[in-house]
Amino acid sequence: MEPIYIFTLTGAFAMGAALSARQVSHDVLTENKQVTEASGRTQAVAKVPGIYLTAGNVSAIALIASLVYGGQNLAWWIPIGFLVVSFPAIYYIFLCRLFKPKRASLVYTCLALVGLIPMVQGWVA
């Protein structure tokens, strides 16, 4: 498979997973803030489920690996341009409409991890 395809798909799903996990965390914090204000308590304790935090962190690592792979196999400006323009555009135009943030963070993390398999095979070979 061509490096540009591997880089694009893995990076887009990793960025989508990271942004979805960020949205889940933001939703939990906003909901907790509203509950705290309604109850009149002064201290707020927000608990974001660990699976979403883990999915976000793993996808961020997959995104970094994707950028390294793109930097090694493509011109230097392609990974930079994709990180700044293409990956967020793919997420906001296509990926965020497919699933709700909780499901999206898990599904896209799995797809990003599947995309890491050909990358590692390319590094090893």
PDB file of N, CA and C in Angstrom:
ATOM      1  N   MET A   1       0.852  -1.173   0.000  1.00  0.00           N
ATOM      2  CA  MET A   1       0.000   0.000   0.000  1.00  0.00           C
ATOM      3  C   MET A   1       0.895   1.232   0.000  1.00  0.00           C
ATOM      4  N   GLU A   2       0.456   2.260  -0.663  1.00  0.00           N
ATOM      5  CA  GLU A   2       1.225   3.496  -0.760  1.00  0.00           C
ATOM      6  C   GLU A   2       1.327   4.200   0.597  1.00  0.00           C
ATOM      7  N   PRO A   3       2.469   4.779   0.893  1.00  0.00           N
ATOM      8  CA  PRO A   3       2.629   5.473   2.192  1.00  0.00           C
ATOM      9  C   PRO A   3       1.645   6.627   2.398  1.00  0.00           C
ATOM     10  N   ILE A   4       1.267   7.325   1.323  1.00  0.00           N
ATOM     11  CA  ILE A   4       0.346   8.447   1.496  1.00  0.00           C
ATOM     12  C   ILE A   4      -1.030   7.975   1.971  1.00  0.00           C
ATOM     13  N   TYR A   5      -1.471   6.799   1.499  1.00  0.00           N
ATOM     14  CA  TYR A   5      -2.761   6.273   1.928  1.00  0.00           C
ATOM     15  C   TYR A   5      -2.711   5.828   3.386  1.00  0.00           C
ATOM     16  N   ILE A   6      -1.653   5.134   3.734  1.00  0.00           N
ATOM     17  CA  ILE A   6      -1.499   4.688   5.127  1.00  0.00           C
ATOM     18  C   ILE A   6      -1.445   5.894   6.060  1.00  0.00           C
ATOM     19  N   PHE A   7      -0.641   6.869   5.694  1.00  0.00           N
ATOM     20  CA  PHE A   7      -0.491   8.082   6.495  1.00  0.00           C
ATOM     21  C   PHE A   7      -1.820   8.824   6.626  1.00  0.00           C
ATOM     22  N   THR A   8      -2.541   8.985   5.540  1.00  0.00           N
ATOM     23  CA  THR A   8      -3.781   9.753   5.561  1.00  0.00           C
ATOM     24  C   THR A   8      -4.860   9.072   6.401  1.00  0.00           C
ATOM     25  N   LEU A   9      -5.073   7.794   6.169  1.00  0.00           N
ATOM     26  CA  LEU A   9      -6.130   7.098   6.902  1.00  0.00           C
ATOM     27  C   LEU A   9      -5.818   6.977   8.394  1.00  0.00           C
ATOM     28  N   THR A  10      -4.589   6.590   8.703  1.00  0.00           N
ATOM     29  CA  THR A  10      -4.224   6.454  10.111  1.00  0.00           C
ATOM     30  C   THR A  10      -4.273   7.798  10.825  1.00  0.00           C
ATOM     31  N   GLY A  11      -3.734   8.815  10.201  1.00  0.00           N
ATOM     32  CA  GLY A  11      -3.735  10.141  10.809  1.00  0.00           C
ATOM     33  C   GLY A  11      -5.130  10.720  10.983  1.00  0.00           C
ATOM     34  N   ALA A  12      -5.984  10.528   9.981  1.00  0.00           N
ATOM     35  CA  ALA A  12      -7.341  11.067  10.073  1.00  0.00           C
ATOM     36  C   ALA A  12      -8.126  10.376  11.192  1.00  0.00           C
ATOM     37  N   PHE A  13      -8.009   9.053  11.281  1.00  0.00           N
ATOM     38  CA  PHE A  13      -8.734   8.358  12.345  1.00  0.00           C
ATOM     39  C   PHE A  13      -8.139   8.672  13.720  1.00  0.00           C
ATOM     40  N   ALA A  14      -6.830   8.834  13.796  1.00  0.00           N
ATOM     41  CA  ALA A  14      -6.217   9.182  15.080  1.00  0.00           C
ATOM     42  C   ALA A  14      -6.639  10.583  15.518  1.00  0.00           C
ATOM     43  N   MET A  15      -6.659  11.516  14.584  1.00  0.00           N
ATOM     44  CA  MET A  15      -7.112  12.875  14.910  1.00  0.00           C
ATOM     45  C   MET A  15      -8.587  12.855  15.300  1.00  0.00           C
ATOM     46  N   GLY A  16      -9.393  12.080  14.587  1.00  0.00           N
ATOM     47  CA  GLY A  16     -10.810  11.968  14.919  1.00  0.00           C
ATOM     48  C   GLY A  16     -11.034  11.389  16.306  1.00  0.00           C
ATOM     49  N   ALA A  17     -10.260  10.375  16.649  1.00  0.00           N
ATOM     50  CA  ALA A  17     -10.391   9.768  17.975  1.00  0.00           C
ATOM     51  C   ALA A  17      -9.971  10.737  19.072  1.00  0.00           C
ATOM     52  N   ALA A  18      -8.894  11.461  18.849  1.00  0.00           N
ATOM     53  CA  ALA A  18      -8.428  12.413  19.852  1.00  0.00           C
ATOM     54  C   ALA A  18      -9.438  13.548  20.054  1.00  0.00           C
ATOM     55  N   LEU A  19      -9.983  14.047  18.957  1.00  0.00           N
ATOM     56  CA  LEU A  19     -10.961  15.125  19.076  1.00  0.00           C
ATOM     57  C   LEU A  19     -12.274  14.637  19.681  1.00  0.00           C
ATOM     58  N   SER A  20     -12.667  13.409  19.394  1.00  0.00           N
ATOM     59  CA  SER A  20     -13.873  12.851  20.000  1.00  0.00           C
ATOM     60  C   SER A  20     -13.687  12.643  21.501  1.00  0.00           C
ATOM     61  N   ALA A  21     -12.521  12.158  21.907  1.00  0.00           N
ATOM     62  CA  ALA A  21     -12.244  11.981  23.334  1.00  0.00           C
ATOM     63  C   ALA A  21     -12.224  13.334  24.048  1.00  0.00           C
ATOM     64  N   ARG A  22     -11.710  14.364  23.381  1.00  0.00           N
ATOM     65  CA  ARG A  22     -11.730  15.707  23.950  1.00  0.00           C
ATOM     66  C   ARG A  22     -13.170  16.175  24.129  1.00  0.00           C
ATOM     67  N   GLN A  23     -14.035  15.873  23.173  1.00  0.00           N
ATOM     68  CA  GLN A  23     -15.432  16.267  23.270  1.00  0.00           C
ATOM     69  C   GLN A  23     -16.141  15.548  24.414  1.00  0.00           C
ATOM     70  N   VAL A  24     -15.826  14.280  24.601  1.00  0.00           N
ATOM     71  CA  VAL A  24     -16.414  13.526  25.719  1.00  0.00           C
ATOM     72  C   VAL A  24     -15.998  14.163  27.040  1.00  0.00           C
ATOM     73  N   SER A  25     -14.728  14.487  27.188  1.00  0.00           N
ATOM     74  CA  SER A  25     -14.245  15.125  28.419  1.00  0.00           C
ATOM     75  C   SER A  25     -14.927  16.469  28.633  1.00  0.00           C
ATOM     76  N   HIS A  26     -15.057  17.241  27.571  1.00  0.00           N
ATOM     77  CA  HIS A  26     -15.707  18.548  27.679  1.00  0.00           C
ATOM     78  C   HIS A  26     -17.166  18.401  28.087  1.00  0.00           C
ATOM     79  N   ASP A  27     -17.864  17.415  27.509  1.00  0.00           N
ATOM     80  CA  ASP A  27     -19.266  17.196  27.861  1.00  0.00           C
ATOM     81  C   ASP A  27     -19.428  16.812  29.328  1.00  0.00           C
ATOM     82  N   VAL A  28     -18.541  15.953  29.825  1.00  0.00           N
ATOM     83  CA  VAL A  28     -18.613  15.539  31.230  1.00  0.00           C
ATOM     84  C   VAL A  28     -18.356  16.731  32.145  1.00  0.00           C
ATOM     85  N   LEU A  29     -17.375  17.542  31.821  1.00  0.00           N
ATOM     86  CA  LEU A  29     -17.066  18.701  32.655  1.00  0.00           C
ATOM     87  C   LEU A  29     -18.189  19.728  32.631  1.00  0.00           C
ATOM     88  N   THR A  30     -18.790  19.947  31.468  1.00  0.00           N
ATOM     89  CA  THR A  30     -19.904  20.890  31.371  1.00  0.00           C
ATOM     90  C   THR A  30     -21.109  20.399  32.156  1.00  0.00           C
ATOM     91  N   GLU A  31     -21.412  19.111  32.036  1.00  0.00           N
ATOM     92  CA  GLU A  31     -22.530  18.536  32.785  1.00  0.00           C
ATOM     93  C   GLU A  31     -22.289  18.625  34.289  1.00  0.00           C
ATOM     94  N   ASN A  32     -21.070  18.361  34.720  1.00  0.00           N
ATOM     95  CA  ASN A  32     -20.733  18.434  36.139  1.00  0.00           C
ATOM     96  C   ASN A  32     -20.839  19.869  36.649  1.00  0.00           C
ATOM     97  N   LYS A  33     -20.442  20.820  35.813  1.00  0.00           N
ATOM     98  CA  LYS A  33     -20.517  22.223  36.217  1.00  0.00           C
ATOM     99  C   LYS A  33     -21.976  22.641  36.403  1.00  0.00           C
ATOM    100  N   GLN A  34     -22.850  22.196  35.524  1.00  0.00           N
ATOM    101  CA  GLN A  34     -24.267  22.532  35.641  1.00  0.00           C
ATOM    102  C   GLN A  34     -24.894  21.904  36.891  1.00  0.00           C
ATOM    103  N   VAL A  35     -24.520  20.671  37.184  1.00  0.00           N
ATOM    104  CA  VAL A  35     -25.038  20.000  38.378  1.00  0.00           C
ATOM    105  C   VAL A  35     -24.534  20.699  39.633  1.00  0.00           C
ATOM    106  N   THR A  36     -23.276  21.102  39.630  1.00  0.00           N
ATOM    107  CA  THR A  36     -22.692  21.779  40.786  1.00  0.00           C
ATOM    108  C   THR A  36     -23.366  23.124  41.028  1.00  0.00           C
ATOM    109  N   GLU A  37     -23.609  23.866  39.950  1.00  0.00           N
ATOM    110  CA  GLU A  37     -24.270  25.160  40.102  1.00  0.00           C
ATOM    111  C   GLU A  37     -25.710  24.996  40.589  1.00  0.00           C
ATOM    112  N   ALA A  38     -26.380  23.960  40.121  1.00  0.00           N
ATOM    113  CA  ALA A  38     -27.775  23.742  40.518  1.00  0.00           C
ATOM    114  C   ALA A  38     -27.886  23.313  41.981  1.00  0.00           C
ATOM    115  N   SER A  39     -26.926  22.534  42.450  1.00  0.00           N
ATOM    116  CA  SER A  39     -27.000  22.041  43.826  1.00  0.00           C
ATOM    117  C   SER A  39     -26.428  23.032  44.826  1.00  0.00           C
ATOM    118  N   GLY A  40     -25.672  24.009  44.377  1.00  0.00           N
ATOM    119  CA  GLY A  40     -25.129  25.019  45.275  1.00  0.00           C
ATOM    120  C   GLY A  40     -23.842  24.609  45.973  1.00  0.00           C
ATOM    121  N   ARG A  41     -23.269  23.482  45.579  1.00  0.00           N
ATOM    122  CA  ARG A  41     -22.002  23.067  46.180  1.00  0.00           C
ATOM    123  C   ARG A  41     -20.888  23.970  45.658  1.00  0.00           C
ATOM    124  N   THR A  42     -19.819  24.059  46.435  1.00  0.00           N
ATOM    125  CA  THR A  42     -18.714  24.920  46.032  1.00  0.00           C
ATOM    126  C   THR A  42     -17.606  24.154  45.315  1.00  0.00           C
ATOM    127  N   GLN A  43     -17.490  22.865  45.587  1.00  0.00           N
ATOM    128  CA  GLN A  43     -16.442  22.076  44.945  1.00  0.00           C
ATOM    129  C   GLN A  43     -17.059  21.116  43.950  1.00  0.00           C
ATOM    130  N   ALA A  44     -16.380  21.011  42.819  1.00  0.00           N
ATOM    131  CA  ALA A  44     -16.853  20.108  41.777  1.00  0.00           C
ATOM    132  C   ALA A  44     -15.836  18.993  41.572  1.00  0.00           C
ATOM    133  N   VAL A  45     -16.322  17.779  41.474  1.00  0.00           N
ATOM    134  CA  VAL A  45     -15.468  16.641  41.193  1.00  0.00           C
ATOM    135  C   VAL A  45     -15.985  15.997  39.914  1.00  0.00           C
ATOM    136  N   ALA A  46     -15.205  16.118  38.855  1.00  0.00           N
ATOM    137  CA  ALA A  46     -15.611  15.554  37.564  1.00  0.00           C
ATOM    138  C   ALA A  46     -14.854  14.258  37.329  1.00  0.00           C
ATOM    139  N   LYS A  47     -15.572  13.240  36.938  1.00  0.00           N
ATOM    140  CA  LYS A  47     -14.976  11.937  36.645  1.00  0.00           C
ATOM    141  C   LYS A  47     -15.230  11.600  35.188  1.00  0.00           C
ATOM    142  N   VAL A  48     -14.192  11.708  34.390  1.00  0.00           N
ATOM    143  CA  VAL A  48     -14.279  11.282  32.997  1.00  0.00           C
ATOM    144  C   VAL A  48     -13.936   9.797  32.970  1.00  0.00           C
ATOM    145  N   PRO A  49     -14.769   8.971  32.334  1.00  0.00           N
ATOM    146  CA  PRO A  49     -14.471   7.536  32.296  1.00  0.00           C
ATOM    147  C   PRO A  49     -13.096   7.264  31.698  1.00  0.00           C
ATOM    148  N   GLY A  50     -12.382   6.362  32.346  1.00  0.00           N
ATOM    149  CA  GLY A  50     -10.999   6.085  31.968  1.00  0.00           C
ATOM    150  C   GLY A  50     -10.820   5.552  30.566  1.00  0.00           C
ATOM    151  N   ILE A  51     -11.814   4.858  30.049  1.00  0.00           N
ATOM    152  CA  ILE A  51     -11.672   4.288  28.707  1.00  0.00           C
ATOM    153  C   ILE A  51     -11.577   5.388  27.657  1.00  0.00           C
ATOM    154  N   TYR A  52     -12.279   6.496  27.866  1.00  0.00           N
ATOM    155  CA  TYR A  52     -12.221   7.596  26.902  1.00  0.00           C
ATOM    156  C   TYR A  52     -10.916   8.365  27.024  1.00  0.00           C
ATOM    157  N   LEU A  53     -10.422   8.501  28.255  1.00  0.00           N
ATOM    158  CA  LEU A  53      -9.110   9.127  28.431  1.00  0.00           C
ATOM    159  C   LEU A  53      -8.013   8.280  27.778  1.00  0.00           C
ATOM    160  N   THR A  54      -8.096   6.968  27.962  1.00  0.00           N
ATOM    161  CA  THR A  54      -7.131   6.067  27.362  1.00  0.00           C
ATOM    162  C   THR A  54      -7.219   6.112  25.844  1.00  0.00           C
ATOM    163  N   ALA A  55      -8.437   6.118  25.319  1.00  0.00           N
ATOM    164  CA  ALA A  55      -8.614   6.181  23.864  1.00  0.00           C
ATOM    165  C   ALA A  55      -8.017   7.469  23.299  1.00  0.00           C
ATOM    166  N   GLY A  56      -8.213   8.569  23.984  1.00  0.00           N
ATOM    167  CA  GLY A  56      -7.644   9.833  23.525  1.00  0.00           C
ATOM    168  C   GLY A  56      -6.127   9.835  23.552  1.00  0.00           C
ATOM    169  N   ASN A  57      -5.549   9.284  24.614  1.00  0.00           N
ATOM    170  CA  ASN A  57      -4.088   9.240  24.716  1.00  0.00           C
ATOM    171  C   ASN A  57      -3.472   8.290  23.695  1.00  0.00           C
ATOM    172  N   VAL A  58      -4.091   7.129  23.511  1.00  0.00           N
ATOM    173  CA  VAL A  58      -3.571   6.173  22.527  1.00  0.00           C
ATOM    174  C   VAL A  58      -3.681   6.750  21.119  1.00  0.00           C
ATOM    175  N   SER A  59      -4.775   7.429  20.847  1.00  0.00           N
ATOM    176  CA  SER A  59      -4.923   8.022  19.518  1.00  0.00           C
ATOM    177  C   SER A  59      -3.940   9.174  19.299  1.00  0.00           C
ATOM    178  N   ALA A  60      -3.611   9.904  20.348  1.00  0.00           N
ATOM    179  CA  ALA A  60      -2.596  10.952  20.203  1.00  0.00           C
ATOM    180  C   ALA A  60      -1.232  10.338  19.884  1.00  0.00           C
ATOM    181  N   ILE A  61      -0.916   9.215  20.507  1.00  0.00           N
ATOM    182  CA  ILE A  61       0.334   8.519  20.201  1.00  0.00           C
ATOM    183  C   ILE A  61       0.306   7.996  18.771  1.00  0.00           C
ATOM    184  N   ALA A  62      -0.847   7.480  18.334  1.00  0.00           N
ATOM    185  CA  ALA A  62      -0.978   7.001  16.946  1.00  0.00           C
ATOM    186  C   ALA A  62      -0.839   8.152  15.962  1.00  0.00           C
ATOM    187  N   LEU A  63      -1.345   9.326  16.318  1.00  0.00           N
ATOM    188  CA  LEU A  63      -1.199  10.495  15.452  1.00  0.00           C
ATOM    189  C   LEU A  63       0.261  10.901  15.336  1.00  0.00           C
ATOM    190  N   ILE A  64       0.986  10.878  16.433  1.00  0.00           N
ATOM    191  CA  ILE A  64       2.419  11.206  16.399  1.00  0.00           C
ATOM    192  C   ILE A  64       3.184  10.184  15.557  1.00  0.00           C
ATOM    193  N   ALA A  65       2.859   8.898  15.728  1.00  0.00           N
ATOM    194  CA  ALA A  65       3.504   7.865  14.914  1.00  0.00           C
ATOM    195  C   ALA A  65       3.193   8.058  13.441  1.00  0.00           C
ATOM    196  N   SER A  66       1.965   8.442  13.145  1.00  0.00           N
ATOM    197  CA  SER A  66       1.584   8.702  11.762  1.00  0.00           C
ATOM    198  C   SER A  66       2.369   9.871  11.182  1.00  0.00           C
ATOM    199  N   LEU A  67       2.557  10.906  11.970  1.00  0.00           N
ATOM    200  CA  LEU A  67       3.333  12.056  11.499  1.00  0.00           C
ATOM    201  C   LEU A  67       4.802  11.696  11.278  1.00  0.00           C
ATOM    202  N   VAL A  68       5.342  10.866  12.140  1.00  0.00           N
ATOM    203  CA  VAL A  68       6.728  10.409  11.955  1.00  0.00           C
ATOM    204  C   VAL A  68       6.840   9.591  10.679  1.00  0.00           C
ATOM    205  N   TYR A  69       5.886   8.692  10.473  1.00  0.00           N
ATOM    206  CA  TYR A  69       5.874   7.863   9.267  1.00  0.00           C
ATOM    207  C   TYR A  69       5.755   8.741   8.017  1.00  0.00           C
ATOM    208  N   GLY A  70       4.865   9.729   8.067  1.00  0.00           N
ATOM    209  CA  GLY A  70       4.721  10.647   6.940  1.00  0.00           C
ATOM    210  C   GLY A  70       5.969  11.472   6.708  1.00  0.00           C
ATOM    211  N   GLY A  71       6.632  11.877   7.778  1.00  0.00           N
ATOM    212  CA  GLY A  71       7.874  12.635   7.637  1.00  0.00           C
ATOM    213  C   GLY A  71       9.003  11.822   7.034  1.00  0.00           C
ATOM    214  N   GLN A  72       9.017  10.527   7.292  1.00  0.00           N
ATOM    215  CA  GLN A  72      10.066   9.672   6.752  1.00  0.00           C
ATOM    216  C   GLN A  72       9.820   9.308   5.290  1.00  0.00           C
ATOM    217  N   ASN A  73       8.565   9.165   4.894  1.00  0.00           N
ATOM    218  CA  ASN A  73       8.256   8.656   3.564  1.00  0.00           C
ATOM    219  C   ASN A  73       7.750   9.701   2.584  1.00  0.00           C
ATOM    220  N   LEU A  74       7.426  10.889   3.047  1.00  0.00           N
ATOM    221  CA  LEU A  74       6.869  11.928   2.184  1.00  0.00           C
ATOM    222  C   LEU A  74       7.680  13.211   2.349  1.00  0.00           C
ATOM    223  N   ALA A  75       7.386  14.193   1.524  1.00  0.00           N
ATOM    224  CA  ALA A  75       8.032  15.497   1.659  1.00  0.00           C
ATOM    225  C   ALA A  75       7.628  16.110   3.003  1.00  0.00           C
ATOM    226  N   TRP A  76       8.481  16.952   3.567  1.00  0.00           N
ATOM    227  CA  TRP A  76       8.277  17.461   4.922  1.00  0.00           C
ATOM    228  C   TRP A  76       6.990  18.255   5.072  1.00  0.00           C
ATOM    229  N   TRP A  77       6.559  18.931   4.013  1.00  0.00           N
ATOM    230  CA  TRP A  77       5.398  19.803   4.124  1.00  0.00           C
ATOM    231  C   TRP A  77       4.078  19.035   4.099  1.00  0.00           C
ATOM    232  N   ILE A  78       4.080  17.808   3.626  1.00  0.00           N
ATOM    233  CA  ILE A  78       2.833  17.046   3.561  1.00  0.00           C
ATOM    234  C   ILE A  78       2.309  16.713   4.961  1.00  0.00           C
ATOM    235  N   PRO A  79       3.116  16.144   5.865  1.00  0.00           N
ATOM    236  CA  PRO A  79       2.574  15.894   7.219  1.00  0.00           C
ATOM    237  C   PRO A  79       2.156  17.165   7.955  1.00  0.00           C
ATOM    238  N   ILE A  80       2.902  18.244   7.762  1.00  0.00           N
ATOM    239  CA  ILE A  80       2.549  19.507   8.425  1.00  0.00           C
ATOM    240  C   ILE A  80       1.215  20.025   7.899  1.00  0.00           C
ATOM    241  N   GLY A  81       1.050  20.015   6.585  1.00  0.00           N
ATOM    242  CA  GLY A  81      -0.202  20.476   5.984  1.00  0.00           C
ATOM    243  C   GLY A  81      -1.394  19.618   6.386  1.00  0.00           C
ATOM    244  N   PHE A  82      -1.173  18.316   6.422  1.00  0.00           N
ATOM    245  CA  PHE A  82      -2.258  17.423   6.826  1.00  0.00           C
ATOM    246  C   PHE A  82      -2.629  17.631   8.277  1.00  0.00           C
ATOM    247  N   LEU A  83      -1.643  17.834   9.144  1.00  0.00           N
ATOM    248  CA  LEU A  83      -1.918  18.038  10.566  1.00  0.00           C
ATOM    249  C   LEU A  83      -2.724  19.308  10.801  1.00  0.00           C
ATOM    250  N   VAL A  84      -2.395  20.356  10.074  1.00  0.00           N
ATOM    251  CA  VAL A  84      -3.028  21.654  10.298  1.00  0.00           C
ATOM    252  C   VAL A  84      -4.356  21.791   9.554  1.00  0.00           C
ATOM    253  N   VAL A  85      -4.439  21.247   8.331  1.00  0.00           N
ATOM    254  CA  VAL A  85      -5.620  21.493   7.507  1.00  0.00           C
ATOM    255  C   VAL A  85      -6.439  20.230   7.264  1.00  0.00           C
ATOM    256  N   SER A  86      -5.836  19.220   6.697  1.00  0.00           N
ATOM    257  CA  SER A  86      -6.601  18.075   6.190  1.00  0.00           C
ATOM    258  C   SER A  86      -7.214  17.203   7.282  1.00  0.00           C
ATOM    259  N   PHE A  87      -6.446  16.845   8.306  1.00  0.00           N
ATOM    260  CA  PHE A  87      -6.990  15.974   9.350  1.00  0.00           C
ATOM    261  C   PHE A  87      -8.159  16.622  10.091  1.00  0.00           C
ATOM    262  N   PRO A  88      -8.046  17.883  10.539  1.00  0.00           N
ATOM    263  CA  PRO A  88      -9.221  18.497  11.179  1.00  0.00           C
ATOM    264  C   PRO A  88     -10.400  18.649  10.219  1.00  0.00           C
ATOM    265  N   ALA A  89     -10.123  18.945   8.947  1.00  0.00           N
ATOM    266  CA  ALA A  89     -11.211  19.078   7.975  1.00  0.00           C
ATOM    267  C   ALA A  89     -11.914  17.748   7.766  1.00  0.00           C
ATOM    268  N   ILE A  90     -11.157  16.673   7.642  1.00  0.00           N
ATOM    269  CA  ILE A  90     -11.758  15.345   7.492  1.00  0.00           C
ATOM    270  C   ILE A  90     -12.621  15.026   8.706  1.00  0.00           C
ATOM    271  N   TYR A  91     -12.139  15.366   9.891  1.00  0.00           N
ATOM    272  CA  TYR A  91     -12.915  15.079  11.095  1.00  0.00           C
ATOM    273  C   TYR A  91     -14.202  15.888  11.108  1.00  0.00           C
ATOM    274  N   TYR A  92     -14.120  17.203  10.942  1.00  0.00           N
ATOM    275  CA  TYR A  92     -15.300  18.037  11.095  1.00  0.00           C
ATOM    276  C   TYR A  92     -16.282  17.891   9.940  1.00  0.00           C
ATOM    277  N   ILE A  93     -15.816  17.531   8.755  1.00  0.00           N
ATOM    278  CA  ILE A  93     -16.719  17.378   7.611  1.00  0.00           C
ATOM    279  C   ILE A  93     -17.345  15.988   7.572  1.00  0.00           C
ATOM    280  N   PHE A  94     -16.539  14.943   7.816  1.00  0.00           N
ATOM    281  CA  PHE A  94     -17.037  13.583   7.646  1.00  0.00           C
ATOM    282  C   PHE A  94     -17.204  12.810   8.953  1.00  0.00           C
ATOM    283  N   LEU A  95     -16.130  12.710   9.732  1.00  0.00           N
ATOM    284  CA  LEU A  95     -16.097  11.749  10.832  1.00  0.00           C
ATOM    285  C   LEU A  95     -17.012  12.096  11.999  1.00  0.00           C
ATOM    286  N   CYS A  96     -17.154  13.373  12.325  1.00  0.00           N
ATOM    287  CA  CYS A  96     -17.979  13.718  13.488  1.00  0.00           C
ATOM    288  C   CYS A  96     -19.464  13.485  13.224  1.00  0.00           C
ATOM    289  N   ARG A  97     -19.845  13.328  11.972  1.00  0.00           N
ATOM    290  CA  ARG A  97     -21.251  13.080  11.643  1.00  0.00           C
ATOM    291  C   ARG A  97     -21.616  11.604  11.666  1.00  0.00           C
ATOM    292  N   LEU A  98     -20.613  10.729  11.700  1.00  0.00           N
ATOM    293  CA  LEU A  98     -20.888   9.300  11.656  1.00  0.00           C
ATOM    294  C   LEU A  98     -21.343   8.743  12.999  1.00  0.00           C
ATOM    295  N   PHE A  99     -20.685   9.150  14.083  1.00  0.00           N
ATOM    296  CA  PHE A  99     -20.970   8.608  15.409  1.00  0.00           C
ATOM    297  C   PHE A  99     -21.062   9.737  16.425  1.00  0.00           C
ATOM    298  N   LYS A 100     -21.674   9.426  17.557  1.00  0.00           N
ATOM    299  CA  LYS A 100     -21.641  10.328  18.711  1.00  0.00           C
ATOM    300  C   LYS A 100     -20.228  10.290  19.291  1.00  0.00           C
ATOM    301  N   PRO A 101     -19.803  11.307  20.066  1.00  0.00           N
ATOM    302  CA  PRO A 101     -18.417  11.358  20.541  1.00  0.00           C
ATOM    303  C   PRO A 101     -17.953  10.143  21.339  1.00  0.00           C
ATOM    304  N   LYS A 102     -18.804   9.582  22.179  1.00  0.00           N
ATOM    305  CA  LYS A 102     -18.360   8.439  22.989  1.00  0.00           C
ATOM    306  C   LYS A 102     -18.036   7.238  22.117  1.00  0.00           C
ATOM    307  N   ARG A 103     -18.923   6.903  21.216  1.00  0.00           N
ATOM    308  CA  ARG A 103     -18.679   5.764  20.341  1.00  0.00           C
ATOM    309  C   ARG A 103     -17.551   6.080  19.353  1.00  0.00           C
ATOM    310  N   ALA A 104     -17.515   7.311  18.871  1.00  0.00           N
ATOM    311  CA  ALA A 104     -16.506   7.699  17.881  1.00  0.00           C
ATOM    312  C   ALA A 104     -15.096   7.581  18.440  1.00  0.00           C
ATOM    313  N   SER A 105     -14.895   7.978  19.683  1.00  0.00           N
ATOM    314  CA  SER A 105     -13.547   7.904  20.246  1.00  0.00           C
ATOM    315  C   SER A 105     -13.052   6.466  20.297  1.00  0.00           C
ATOM    316  N   LEU A 106     -13.923   5.530  20.575  1.00  0.00           N
ATOM    317  CA  LEU A 106     -13.519   4.125  20.640  1.00  0.00           C
ATOM    318  C   LEU A 106     -13.334   3.516  19.250  1.00  0.00           C
ATOM    319  N   VAL A 107     -14.277   3.784  18.349  1.00  0.00           N
ATOM    320  CA  VAL A 107     -14.192   3.213  16.996  1.00  0.00           C
ATOM    321  C   VAL A 107     -12.990   3.764  16.243  1.00  0.00           C
ATOM    322  N   TYR A 108     -12.794   5.064  16.299  1.00  0.00           N
ATOM    323  CA  TYR A 108     -11.683   5.671  15.561  1.00  0.00           C
ATOM    324  C   TYR A 108     -10.334   5.293  16.155  1.00  0.00           C
ATOM    325  N   THR A 109     -10.270   5.079  17.464  1.00  0.00           N
ATOM    326  CA  THR A 109      -9.024   4.595  18.057  1.00  0.00           C
ATOM    327  C   THR A 109      -8.695   3.207  17.537  1.00  0.00           C
ATOM    328  N   CYS A 110      -9.693   2.346  17.462  1.00  0.00           N
ATOM    329  CA  CYS A 110      -9.451   0.996  16.913  1.00  0.00           C
ATOM    330  C   CYS A 110      -9.000   1.070  15.459  1.00  0.00           C
ATOM    331  N   LEU A 111      -9.618   1.930  14.669  1.00  0.00           N
ATOM    332  CA  LEU A 111      -9.221   2.060  13.267  1.00  0.00           C
ATOM    333  C   LEU A 111      -7.812   2.648  13.131  1.00  0.00           C
ATOM    334  N   ALA A 112      -7.466   3.568  14.005  1.00  0.00           N
ATOM    335  CA  ALA A 112      -6.107   4.124  13.976  1.00  0.00           C
ATOM    336  C   ALA A 112      -5.084   3.055  14.351  1.00  0.00           C
ATOM    337  N   LEU A 113      -5.423   2.218  15.317  1.00  0.00           N
ATOM    338  CA  LEU A 113      -4.505   1.136  15.695  1.00  0.00           C
ATOM    339  C   LEU A 113      -4.358   0.118  14.569  1.00  0.00           C
ATOM    340  N   VAL A 114      -5.436  -0.149  13.848  1.00  0.00           N
ATOM    341  CA  VAL A 114      -5.347  -1.032  12.684  1.00  0.00           C
ATOM    342  C   VAL A 114      -4.445  -0.398  11.619  1.00  0.00           C
ATOM    343  N   GLY A 115      -4.515   0.909  11.479  1.00  0.00           N
ATOM    344  CA  GLY A 115      -3.657   1.610  10.526  1.00  0.00           C
ATOM    345  C   GLY A 115      -2.191   1.600  10.914  1.00  0.00           C
ATOM    346  N   LEU A 116      -1.910   1.400  12.195  1.00  0.00           N
ATOM    347  CA  LEU A 116      -0.510   1.329  12.626  1.00  0.00           C
ATOM    348  C   LEU A 116       0.163   0.033  12.182  1.00  0.00           C
ATOM    349  N   ILE A 117      -0.612  -1.002  11.897  1.00  0.00           N
ATOM    350  CA  ILE A 117      -0.023  -2.291  11.505  1.00  0.00           C
ATOM    351  C   ILE A 117       0.801  -2.169  10.227  1.00  0.00           C
ATOM    352  N   PRO A 118       0.272  -1.594   9.125  1.00  0.00           N
ATOM    353  CA  PRO A 118       1.131  -1.459   7.938  1.00  0.00           C
ATOM    354  C   PRO A 118       2.300  -0.495   8.145  1.00  0.00           C
ATOM    355  N   MET A 119       2.114   0.481   9.035  1.00  0.00           N
ATOM    356  CA  MET A 119       3.224   1.399   9.322  1.00  0.00           C
ATOM    357  C   MET A 119       4.380   0.647   9.968  1.00  0.00           C
ATOM    358  N   VAL A 120       4.072  -0.149  10.958  1.00  0.00           N
ATOM    359  CA  VAL A 120       5.119  -0.915  11.653  1.00  0.00           C
ATOM    360  C   VAL A 120       5.747  -1.921  10.686  1.00  0.00           C
ATOM    361  N   GLN A 121       4.951  -2.530   9.841  1.00  0.00           N
ATOM    362  CA  GLN A 121       5.496  -3.440   8.851  1.00  0.00           C
ATOM    363  C   GLN A 121       6.423  -2.719   7.886  1.00  0.00           C
ATOM    364  N   GLY A 122       6.090  -1.494   7.547  1.00  0.00           N
ATOM    365  CA  GLY A 122       6.964  -0.690   6.668  1.00  0.00           C
ATOM    366  C   GLY A 122       8.258  -0.311   7.369  1.00  0.00           C
ATOM    367  N   TRP A 123       8.191  -0.039   8.663  1.00  0.00           N
ATOM    368  CA  TRP A 123       9.408   0.300   9.411  1.00  0.00           C
ATOM    369  C   TRP A 123      10.312  -0.911   9.581  1.00  0.00           C
ATOM    370  N   VAL A 124       9.702  -2.060   9.816  1.00  0.00           N
ATOM    371  CA  VAL A 124      10.492  -3.267  10.054  1.00  0.00           C
ATOM    372  C   VAL A 124      11.126  -3.781   8.765  1.00  0.00           C
ATOM    373  N   ALA A 125      10.382  -3.706   7.659  1.00  0.00           N
ATOM    374  CA  ALA A 125      10.888  -4.252   6.394  1.00  0.00           C
ATOM    375  C   ALA A 125      11.951  -3.391   5.774  1.00  0.00           C
TER     376      ALA A 125
END
